[in-house]
Amino acid sequence: MKHEFPLLSIQDEDNPYLFNIYHYQKRLVGIEEDPDYLQLFEMSRYGSVTAYFDWLRTKTGFGSILDVSGNPILGGHAKYSLYHGYMKEAQEQFYIFCREWGNRLRK
């Protein structure tokens, strides 16, 4: 099974979570992850990062920023501006666009 690591992993002193940015379907997706538990990329025996995002896409659809529970982070979230800034930096660094809410599975 392919082991998929995040392109970037960021930890801020004021934030208890890591913010990992992954490459998924030619787009960037950022997700909060709790450093006290296995990270998404460390759970390869349960499935790949891609398989997780594929599954999540069938349940809720999502944009480019997810919280620790896999729910979309929107503008009203306390860390939205911080995470949005990380995503913009990653977009400029890797020349990969951020995933948009409309990039979801249609039934």
C-alpha atoms as a PDB file:
ATOM      1  CA  MET A   1       0.000   0.000   0.000  1.00  0.00           C
ATOM      2  CA  LYS A   2       1.264   3.447  -0.889  1.00  0.00           C
ATOM      3  CA  HIS A   3       2.347   5.555   2.100  1.00  0.00           C
ATOM      4  CA  GLU A   4       1.183   9.129   1.650  1.00  0.00           C
ATOM      5  CA  PHE A   5       2.938  11.792   3.683  1.00  0.00           C
ATOM      6  CA  PRO A   6       1.754  15.391   4.050  1.00  0.00           C
ATOM      7  CA  LEU A   7       3.491  17.975   1.872  1.00  0.00           C
ATOM      8  CA  LEU A   8       3.697  20.243   4.928  1.00  0.00           C
ATOM      9  CA  SER A   9       3.156  19.695   8.632  1.00  0.00           C
ATOM     10  CA  ILE A  10       2.837  22.858  10.719  1.00  0.00           C
ATOM     11  CA  GLN A  11       2.600  23.249  14.487  1.00  0.00           C
ATOM     12  CA  ASP A  12       1.954  26.621  16.066  1.00  0.00           C
ATOM     13  CA  GLU A  13       2.779  27.208  19.753  1.00  0.00           C
ATOM     14  CA  ASP A  14      -0.718  28.571  20.452  1.00  0.00           C
ATOM     15  CA  ASN A  15      -2.503  25.659  18.778  1.00  0.00           C
ATOM     16  CA  PRO A  16      -2.756  22.161  20.292  1.00  0.00           C
ATOM     17  CA  TYR A  17      -3.229  20.618  16.825  1.00  0.00           C
ATOM     18  CA  LEU A  18      -0.888  20.023  13.908  1.00  0.00           C
ATOM     19  CA  PHE A  19      -2.012  21.302  10.540  1.00  0.00           C
ATOM     20  CA  ASN A  20      -1.074  18.836   7.799  1.00  0.00           C
ATOM     21  CA  ILE A  21      -1.428  19.687   4.120  1.00  0.00           C
ATOM     22  CA  TYR A  22      -1.930  16.794   1.691  1.00  0.00           C
ATOM     23  CA  HIS A  23      -2.012  16.498  -2.093  1.00  0.00           C
ATOM     24  CA  TYR A  24      -5.360  14.974  -3.118  1.00  0.00           C
ATOM     25  CA  GLN A  25      -6.636  14.759  -6.698  1.00  0.00           C
ATOM     26  CA  LYS A  26      -4.235  17.467  -7.933  1.00  0.00           C
ATOM     27  CA  ARG A  27      -5.392  19.855  -5.182  1.00  0.00           C
ATOM     28  CA  LEU A  28      -4.272  20.797  -1.660  1.00  0.00           C
ATOM     29  CA  VAL A  29      -6.286  19.742   1.397  1.00  0.00           C
ATOM     30  CA  GLY A  30      -5.365  20.821   4.923  1.00  0.00           C
ATOM     31  CA  ILE A  31      -6.546  19.010   8.036  1.00  0.00           C
ATOM     32  CA  GLU A  32      -6.127  19.588  11.766  1.00  0.00           C
ATOM     33  CA  GLU A  33      -4.618  16.533  13.406  1.00  0.00           C
ATOM     34  CA  ASP A  34      -4.124  15.771  17.089  1.00  0.00           C
ATOM     35  CA  PRO A  35      -0.436  15.037  17.804  1.00  0.00           C
ATOM     36  CA  ASP A  36      -1.459  12.798  20.736  1.00  0.00           C
ATOM     37  CA  TYR A  37      -2.890  10.269  18.272  1.00  0.00           C
ATOM     38  CA  LEU A  38      -1.797   8.677  14.998  1.00  0.00           C
ATOM     39  CA  GLN A  39      -1.751  11.110  12.098  1.00  0.00           C
ATOM     40  CA  LEU A  40      -3.801  10.351   9.007  1.00  0.00           C
ATOM     41  CA  PHE A  41      -0.702   9.301   7.062  1.00  0.00           C
ATOM     42  CA  GLU A  42       0.374   6.972   9.907  1.00  0.00           C
ATOM     43  CA  MET A  43      -2.829   4.912   9.682  1.00  0.00           C
ATOM     44  CA  SER A  44      -1.939   3.179   6.413  1.00  0.00           C
ATOM     45  CA  ARG A  45      -2.885  -0.242   7.788  1.00  0.00           C
ATOM     46  CA  TYR A  46      -6.494   1.023   7.948  1.00  0.00           C
ATOM     47  CA  GLY A  47      -6.424   2.593   4.478  1.00  0.00           C
ATOM     48  CA  SER A  48      -4.684   5.298   2.530  1.00  0.00           C
ATOM     49  CA  VAL A  49      -5.028   9.045   2.886  1.00  0.00           C
ATOM     50  CA  THR A  50      -6.609   9.079  -0.567  1.00  0.00           C
ATOM     51  CA  ALA A  51      -9.138   6.425   0.491  1.00  0.00           C
ATOM     52  CA  TYR A  52     -10.080   8.542   3.528  1.00  0.00           C
ATOM     53  CA  PHE A  53     -10.660  11.644   1.406  1.00  0.00           C
ATOM     54  CA  ASP A  54     -12.582   9.569  -1.168  1.00  0.00           C
ATOM     55  CA  TRP A  55     -14.838   8.231   1.598  1.00  0.00           C
ATOM     56  CA  LEU A  56     -15.291  11.666   3.177  1.00  0.00           C
ATOM     57  CA  ARG A  57     -16.237  13.088  -0.196  1.00  0.00           C
ATOM     58  CA  THR A  58     -19.176  10.667  -0.410  1.00  0.00           C
ATOM     59  CA  LYS A  59     -20.445  11.639   3.050  1.00  0.00           C
ATOM     60  CA  THR A  60     -20.282  15.417   3.264  1.00  0.00           C
ATOM     61  CA  GLY A  61     -18.252  16.909   0.477  1.00  0.00           C
ATOM     62  CA  PHE A  62     -15.579  19.291   1.657  1.00  0.00           C
ATOM     63  CA  GLY A  63     -13.419  22.222   0.671  1.00  0.00           C
ATOM     64  CA  SER A  64      -9.736  22.632   1.389  1.00  0.00           C
ATOM     65  CA  ILE A  65      -9.634  22.928   5.205  1.00  0.00           C
ATOM     66  CA  LEU A  66     -10.888  20.266   7.639  1.00  0.00           C
ATOM     67  CA  ASP A  67     -10.995  20.121  11.422  1.00  0.00           C
ATOM     68  CA  VAL A  68      -9.711  17.297  13.598  1.00  0.00           C
ATOM     69  CA  SER A  69     -13.007  15.423  13.135  1.00  0.00           C
ATOM     70  CA  GLY A  70     -12.947  15.734   9.335  1.00  0.00           C
ATOM     71  CA  ASN A  71     -15.605  18.450   9.213  1.00  0.00           C
ATOM     72  CA  PRO A  72     -15.145  21.473   6.940  1.00  0.00           C
ATOM     73  CA  ILE A  73     -13.668  24.571   8.593  1.00  0.00           C
ATOM     74  CA  LEU A  74     -15.487  27.669   7.443  1.00  0.00           C
ATOM     75  CA  GLY A  75     -14.891  31.405   7.904  1.00  0.00           C
ATOM     76  CA  GLY A  76     -16.379  31.568  11.413  1.00  0.00           C
ATOM     77  CA  HIS A  77     -13.875  29.088  12.897  1.00  0.00           C
ATOM     78  CA  ALA A  78     -11.306  30.560  15.309  1.00  0.00           C
ATOM     79  CA  LYS A  79      -8.346  29.187  13.306  1.00  0.00           C
ATOM     80  CA  TYR A  80      -9.754  29.737   9.805  1.00  0.00           C
ATOM     81  CA  SER A  81      -7.563  32.747   8.980  1.00  0.00           C
ATOM     82  CA  LEU A  82      -4.435  30.999  10.233  1.00  0.00           C
ATOM     83  CA  TYR A  83      -5.136  27.806   8.266  1.00  0.00           C
ATOM     84  CA  HIS A  84      -6.203  29.735   5.177  1.00  0.00           C
ATOM     85  CA  GLY A  85      -2.842  31.536   5.296  1.00  0.00           C
ATOM     86  CA  TYR A  86      -0.997  28.210   5.508  1.00  0.00           C
ATOM     87  CA  MET A  87      -2.943  26.939   2.495  1.00  0.00           C
ATOM     88  CA  LYS A  88      -2.100  30.045   0.442  1.00  0.00           C
ATOM     89  CA  GLU A  89       1.600  29.675   1.330  1.00  0.00           C
ATOM     90  CA  ALA A  90       1.539  26.005   0.306  1.00  0.00           C
ATOM     91  CA  GLN A  91      -0.227  26.898  -2.933  1.00  0.00           C
ATOM     92  CA  GLU A  92       2.527  29.364  -3.794  1.00  0.00           C
ATOM     93  CA  GLN A  93       5.317  26.996  -2.720  1.00  0.00           C
ATOM     94  CA  PHE A  94       4.097  23.897  -4.580  1.00  0.00           C
ATOM     95  CA  TYR A  95       2.193  25.527  -7.474  1.00  0.00           C
ATOM     96  CA  ILE A  96      -0.856  23.409  -6.646  1.00  0.00           C
ATOM     97  CA  PHE A  97      -4.291  24.991  -6.199  1.00  0.00           C
ATOM     98  CA  CYS A  98      -6.311  24.507  -3.023  1.00  0.00           C
ATOM     99  CA  ARG A  99      -9.306  22.222  -3.233  1.00  0.00           C
ATOM    100  CA  GLU A 100     -12.614  24.048  -3.619  1.00  0.00           C
ATOM    101  CA  TRP A 101     -15.959  23.144  -2.105  1.00  0.00           C
ATOM    102  CA  GLY A 102     -17.356  22.389  -5.568  1.00  0.00           C
ATOM    103  CA  ASN A 103     -14.758  19.601  -6.099  1.00  0.00           C
ATOM    104  CA  ARG A 104     -17.049  16.965  -4.671  1.00  0.00           C
ATOM    105  CA  LEU A 105     -18.756  13.807  -5.779  1.00  0.00           C
ATOM    106  CA  ARG A 106     -22.133  14.291  -7.407  1.00  0.00           C
ATOM    107  CA  LYS A 107     -24.781  11.610  -7.043  1.00  0.00           C
END
